[in-house]
Amino acid sequence: MNSGVIESLLNEKEVAKILNLSLGKVRHLRIYGGGPSFVKLGDKTVRYRQQDVREFISSITPQKITKKREPITVSEIFNKETE
């Protein structure tokens, strides 16, 4: 923070809204990894630095879009097994 201004910290609900995720998904990412870095204040209070959320968003790469396959039928499954 070179400007000398302290950024306000974001709570879980604010991060969920920014990321367009459910609160449960934000918590899941925090517990199991894969989400933005967080700060724990006391035993239960979790906050996120705005810069960490921005960096997390920047780190996300779009998933490759694959051509949708046609559904396979039961008869095709059984015909493949007998070949």
C-alpha atoms as a PDB file:
ATOM      1  CA  MET A   1       0.000   0.000   0.000  1.00  0.00           C
ATOM      2  CA  ASN A   2       2.267   2.717  -1.278  1.00  0.00           C
ATOM      3  CA  SER A   3      -0.352   5.449  -1.156  1.00  0.00           C
ATOM      4  CA  GLY A   4      -0.627   5.342   2.620  1.00  0.00           C
ATOM      5  CA  VAL A   5      -4.363   4.632   2.322  1.00  0.00           C
ATOM      6  CA  ILE A   6      -5.636   1.485   3.977  1.00  0.00           C
ATOM      7  CA  GLU A   7      -8.111  -0.445   1.852  1.00  0.00           C
ATOM      8  CA  SER A   8     -11.240  -1.634   3.550  1.00  0.00           C
ATOM      9  CA  LEU A   9     -11.468  -5.395   3.884  1.00  0.00           C
ATOM     10  CA  LEU A  10     -14.245  -7.345   2.210  1.00  0.00           C
ATOM     11  CA  ASN A  11     -16.428  -9.856   4.038  1.00  0.00           C
ATOM     12  CA  GLU A  12     -17.494 -13.237   2.634  1.00  0.00           C
ATOM     13  CA  LYS A  13     -20.822 -11.957   1.304  1.00  0.00           C
ATOM     14  CA  GLU A  14     -19.139  -9.111  -0.575  1.00  0.00           C
ATOM     15  CA  VAL A  15     -16.605 -11.489  -2.124  1.00  0.00           C
ATOM     16  CA  ALA A  16     -19.365 -13.907  -3.103  1.00  0.00           C
ATOM     17  CA  LYS A  17     -21.216 -11.075  -4.842  1.00  0.00           C
ATOM     18  CA  ILE A  18     -18.076  -9.841  -6.644  1.00  0.00           C
ATOM     19  CA  LEU A  19     -17.218 -13.367  -7.840  1.00  0.00           C
ATOM     20  CA  ASN A  20     -20.848 -14.250  -8.590  1.00  0.00           C
ATOM     21  CA  LEU A  21     -20.584 -17.328  -6.360  1.00  0.00           C
ATOM     22  CA  SER A  22     -22.679 -18.605  -3.505  1.00  0.00           C
ATOM     23  CA  LEU A  23     -21.506 -17.916   0.025  1.00  0.00           C
ATOM     24  CA  GLY A  24     -21.067 -21.680   0.456  1.00  0.00           C
ATOM     25  CA  LYS A  25     -18.783 -21.883  -2.587  1.00  0.00           C
ATOM     26  CA  VAL A  26     -16.616 -19.023  -1.284  1.00  0.00           C
ATOM     27  CA  ARG A  27     -16.309 -20.862   2.038  1.00  0.00           C
ATOM     28  CA  HIS A  28     -15.530 -24.121   0.247  1.00  0.00           C
ATOM     29  CA  LEU A  29     -12.738 -22.451  -1.726  1.00  0.00           C
ATOM     30  CA  ARG A  30     -11.315 -20.940   1.462  1.00  0.00           C
ATOM     31  CA  ILE A  31     -11.351 -24.233   3.354  1.00  0.00           C
ATOM     32  CA  TYR A  32     -10.158 -26.538   0.584  1.00  0.00           C
ATOM     33  CA  GLY A  33      -8.035 -24.086  -1.401  1.00  0.00           C
ATOM     34  CA  GLY A  34      -8.392 -22.484  -4.775  1.00  0.00           C
ATOM     35  CA  GLY A  35      -9.922 -19.162  -3.753  1.00  0.00           C
ATOM     36  CA  PRO A  36      -8.491 -15.741  -3.013  1.00  0.00           C
ATOM     37  CA  SER A  37      -6.125 -15.244  -0.084  1.00  0.00           C
ATOM     38  CA  PHE A  38      -7.873 -14.235   3.118  1.00  0.00           C
ATOM     39  CA  VAL A  39      -7.175 -12.717   6.515  1.00  0.00           C
ATOM     40  CA  LYS A  40      -8.481 -14.319   9.675  1.00  0.00           C
ATOM     41  CA  LEU A  41      -9.311 -11.883  12.457  1.00  0.00           C
ATOM     42  CA  GLY A  42      -9.894 -13.807  15.660  1.00  0.00           C
ATOM     43  CA  ASP A  43     -11.411 -17.269  15.688  1.00  0.00           C
ATOM     44  CA  LYS A  44     -14.311 -16.791  13.281  1.00  0.00           C
ATOM     45  CA  THR A  45     -13.977 -13.506  11.411  1.00  0.00           C
ATOM     46  CA  VAL A  46     -12.685 -13.858   7.851  1.00  0.00           C
ATOM     47  CA  ARG A  47     -11.933 -10.928   5.584  1.00  0.00           C
ATOM     48  CA  TYR A  48     -10.447 -10.505   2.126  1.00  0.00           C
ATOM     49  CA  ARG A  49      -8.115  -7.781   0.881  1.00  0.00           C
ATOM     50  CA  GLN A  50      -9.458  -6.120  -2.249  1.00  0.00           C
ATOM     51  CA  GLN A  51      -6.089  -6.570  -3.972  1.00  0.00           C
ATOM     52  CA  ASP A  52      -6.137 -10.324  -3.250  1.00  0.00           C
ATOM     53  CA  VAL A  53      -9.603 -10.622  -4.796  1.00  0.00           C
ATOM     54  CA  ARG A  54      -8.461  -8.652  -7.867  1.00  0.00           C
ATOM     55  CA  GLU A  55      -5.399 -10.906  -8.231  1.00  0.00           C
ATOM     56  CA  PHE A  56      -7.578 -14.000  -7.890  1.00  0.00           C
ATOM     57  CA  ILE A  57      -9.866 -12.765 -10.659  1.00  0.00           C
ATOM     58  CA  SER A  58      -6.849 -12.030 -12.872  1.00  0.00           C
ATOM     59  CA  SER A  59      -5.468 -15.521 -12.266  1.00  0.00           C
ATOM     60  CA  ILE A  60      -8.599 -17.275 -13.505  1.00  0.00           C
ATOM     61  CA  THR A  61      -8.193 -18.509 -17.049  1.00  0.00           C
ATOM     62  CA  PRO A  62     -11.238 -19.130 -19.214  1.00  0.00           C
ATOM     63  CA  GLN A  63     -12.042 -22.791 -19.683  1.00  0.00           C
ATOM     64  CA  LYS A  64     -11.662 -24.127 -23.178  1.00  0.00           C
ATOM     65  CA  ILE A  65     -15.011 -24.542 -24.854  1.00  0.00           C
ATOM     66  CA  THR A  66     -15.279 -27.991 -26.337  1.00  0.00           C
ATOM     67  CA  LYS A  67     -17.664 -29.099 -28.994  1.00  0.00           C
ATOM     68  CA  LYS A  68     -20.736 -30.634 -27.421  1.00  0.00           C
ATOM     69  CA  ARG A  69     -20.988 -34.341 -28.084  1.00  0.00           C
ATOM     70  CA  GLU A  70     -24.193 -36.016 -29.083  1.00  0.00           C
ATOM     71  CA  PRO A  71     -25.599 -38.269 -26.359  1.00  0.00           C
ATOM     72  CA  ILE A  72     -24.761 -41.928 -26.719  1.00  0.00           C
ATOM     73  CA  THR A  73     -27.581 -44.467 -26.770  1.00  0.00           C
ATOM     74  CA  VAL A  74     -27.758 -47.670 -24.745  1.00  0.00           C
ATOM     75  CA  SER A  75     -27.616 -49.760 -27.933  1.00  0.00           C
ATOM     76  CA  GLU A  76     -24.395 -48.020 -28.956  1.00  0.00           C
ATOM     77  CA  ILE A  77     -22.845 -48.909 -25.592  1.00  0.00           C
ATOM     78  CA  PHE A  78     -23.749 -52.576 -25.942  1.00  0.00           C
ATOM     79  CA  ASN A  79     -22.653 -52.705 -29.589  1.00  0.00           C
ATOM     80  CA  LYS A  80     -19.230 -51.332 -28.598  1.00  0.00           C
ATOM     81  CA  GLU A  81     -18.832 -53.990 -25.904  1.00  0.00           C
ATOM     82  CA  THR A  82     -19.520 -56.832 -28.332  1.00  0.00           C
ATOM     83  CA  GLU A  83     -17.086 -55.616 -30.982  1.00  0.00           C
END
